[in-house]
Amino acid sequence: MIRHVVLFKFKSGIDWTDPRAQAAERTAAKVGDEVPELNEWRHGRNISDRSIAYDFLVEGVLDDMEAVDRYLVHPFHQDAITQWREISDWVMVDVEA
């Protein structure tokens, strides 16, 4: 099993009042229902006010790296990437679960 974790940090001038951030969050919430390779899917806004904190997290569990590869190119996931790319930068990690 592979745990895929992504942390998003808004670009300067973006926060949760921005309609693009709200739309990206709504899309992220649906990824788990739309991408069949995902065995588990979590997402959420950061609640910490620490300066090093990121703004949003997504976390998925997939069977193996081949499933990760299929997830990455899935059209719904690609739509989510497009939305998040406009408003944020991110870091990610894939680890064995």
Protein backbone atom coordinates (compact mmCIF):
# COMPACT_ATOMS: atom_id res chain seq x y z
CA MET A 1 0.00 0.00 0.00
CA ILE A 2 1.13 3.53 -0.80
CA ARG A 3 0.13 6.62 1.20
CA HIS A 4 0.16 9.69 -1.06
CA VAL A 5 0.24 12.99 0.86
CA VAL A 6 0.14 16.49 -0.63
CA LEU A 7 0.35 19.79 1.27
CA PHE A 8 -0.77 23.00 -0.46
CA LYS A 9 0.37 26.53 0.42
CA PHE A 10 -1.55 29.44 -1.07
CA LYS A 11 0.29 31.87 -3.29
CA SER A 12 0.57 35.45 -2.11
CA GLY A 13 -2.82 37.18 -2.05
CA ILE A 14 -4.85 33.95 -1.92
CA ASP A 15 -6.85 32.82 1.11
CA TRP A 16 -10.07 30.89 1.80
CA THR A 17 -12.23 33.89 0.86
CA ASP A 18 -11.06 33.53 -2.75
CA PRO A 19 -13.70 31.70 -4.83
CA ARG A 20 -10.91 29.79 -6.61
CA ALA A 21 -9.72 28.35 -3.30
CA GLN A 22 -13.26 27.33 -2.41
CA ALA A 23 -13.74 25.69 -5.83
CA ALA A 24 -10.42 23.83 -5.53
CA GLU A 25 -11.46 22.57 -2.10
CA ARG A 26 -14.81 21.32 -3.47
CA THR A 27 -13.02 19.52 -6.30
CA ALA A 28 -10.50 17.98 -3.90
CA ALA A 29 -13.35 16.69 -1.76
CA LYS A 30 -14.69 14.71 -4.74
CA VAL A 31 -11.42 13.14 -5.92
CA GLY A 32 -11.91 10.09 -3.69
CA ASP A 33 -15.29 9.38 -5.27
CA GLU A 34 -14.12 9.97 -8.83
CA VAL A 35 -10.77 8.15 -8.96
CA PRO A 36 -11.25 4.38 -8.58
CA GLU A 37 -7.60 3.67 -7.68
CA LEU A 38 -8.03 5.40 -4.32
CA ASN A 39 -8.80 3.03 -1.44
CA GLU A 40 -8.99 5.92 1.04
CA TRP A 41 -9.18 9.68 0.58
CA ARG A 42 -8.89 12.47 3.14
CA HIS A 43 -8.70 16.21 2.73
CA GLY A 44 -8.87 19.22 4.97
CA ARG A 45 -8.03 22.80 5.76
CA ASN A 46 -5.19 23.57 8.12
CA ILE A 47 -6.36 24.84 11.52
CA SER A 48 -2.95 25.97 12.81
CA ASP A 49 -1.84 29.60 12.64
CA ARG A 50 1.88 28.73 12.72
CA SER A 51 3.89 30.50 10.03
CA ILE A 52 5.36 27.23 8.69
CA ALA A 53 1.93 25.63 8.26
CA TYR A 54 0.52 24.75 4.87
CA ASP A 55 -3.09 25.62 4.02
CA PHE A 56 -4.62 22.36 2.81
CA LEU A 57 -3.92 18.63 2.78
CA VAL A 58 -5.00 15.71 0.64
CA GLU A 59 -4.09 12.14 1.49
CA GLY A 60 -4.87 9.00 -0.43
CA VAL A 61 -4.11 5.33 -0.02
CA LEU A 62 -3.49 3.28 -3.15
CA ASP A 63 -2.50 -0.34 -3.75
CA ASP A 64 0.93 0.23 -5.35
CA MET A 65 2.96 2.67 -7.45
CA GLU A 66 1.20 1.51 -10.63
CA ALA A 67 -2.09 2.64 -9.04
CA VAL A 68 -0.43 5.96 -8.14
CA ASP A 69 0.60 6.37 -11.77
CA ARG A 70 -3.00 5.80 -12.93
CA TYR A 71 -4.33 8.19 -10.27
CA LEU A 72 -1.91 10.91 -11.39
CA VAL A 73 -3.21 10.93 -14.98
CA HIS A 74 -6.90 10.44 -14.17
CA PRO A 75 -8.88 13.31 -15.80
CA PHE A 76 -10.64 14.31 -12.57
CA HIS A 77 -7.31 14.44 -10.73
CA GLN A 78 -5.84 16.47 -13.59
CA ASP A 79 -8.72 18.96 -13.23
CA ALA A 80 -7.95 19.27 -9.51
CA ILE A 81 -4.27 19.87 -10.30
CA THR A 82 -5.18 22.64 -12.72
CA GLN A 83 -7.26 24.40 -10.07
CA TRP A 84 -4.64 24.09 -7.32
CA ARG A 85 -1.75 25.12 -9.60
CA GLU A 86 -3.41 28.49 -10.18
CA ILE A 87 -3.63 29.33 -6.48
CA SER A 88 -0.92 27.37 -4.66
CA ASP A 89 2.41 25.65 -4.54
CA TRP A 90 2.70 22.20 -3.01
CA VAL A 91 4.92 19.46 -1.70
CA MET A 92 4.17 15.77 -1.75
CA VAL A 93 5.41 12.42 -0.55
CA ASP A 94 4.56 8.81 -1.40
CA VAL A 95 5.39 6.35 1.38
CA GLU A 96 4.76 2.68 1.95
CA ALA A 97 1.79 2.35 4.27
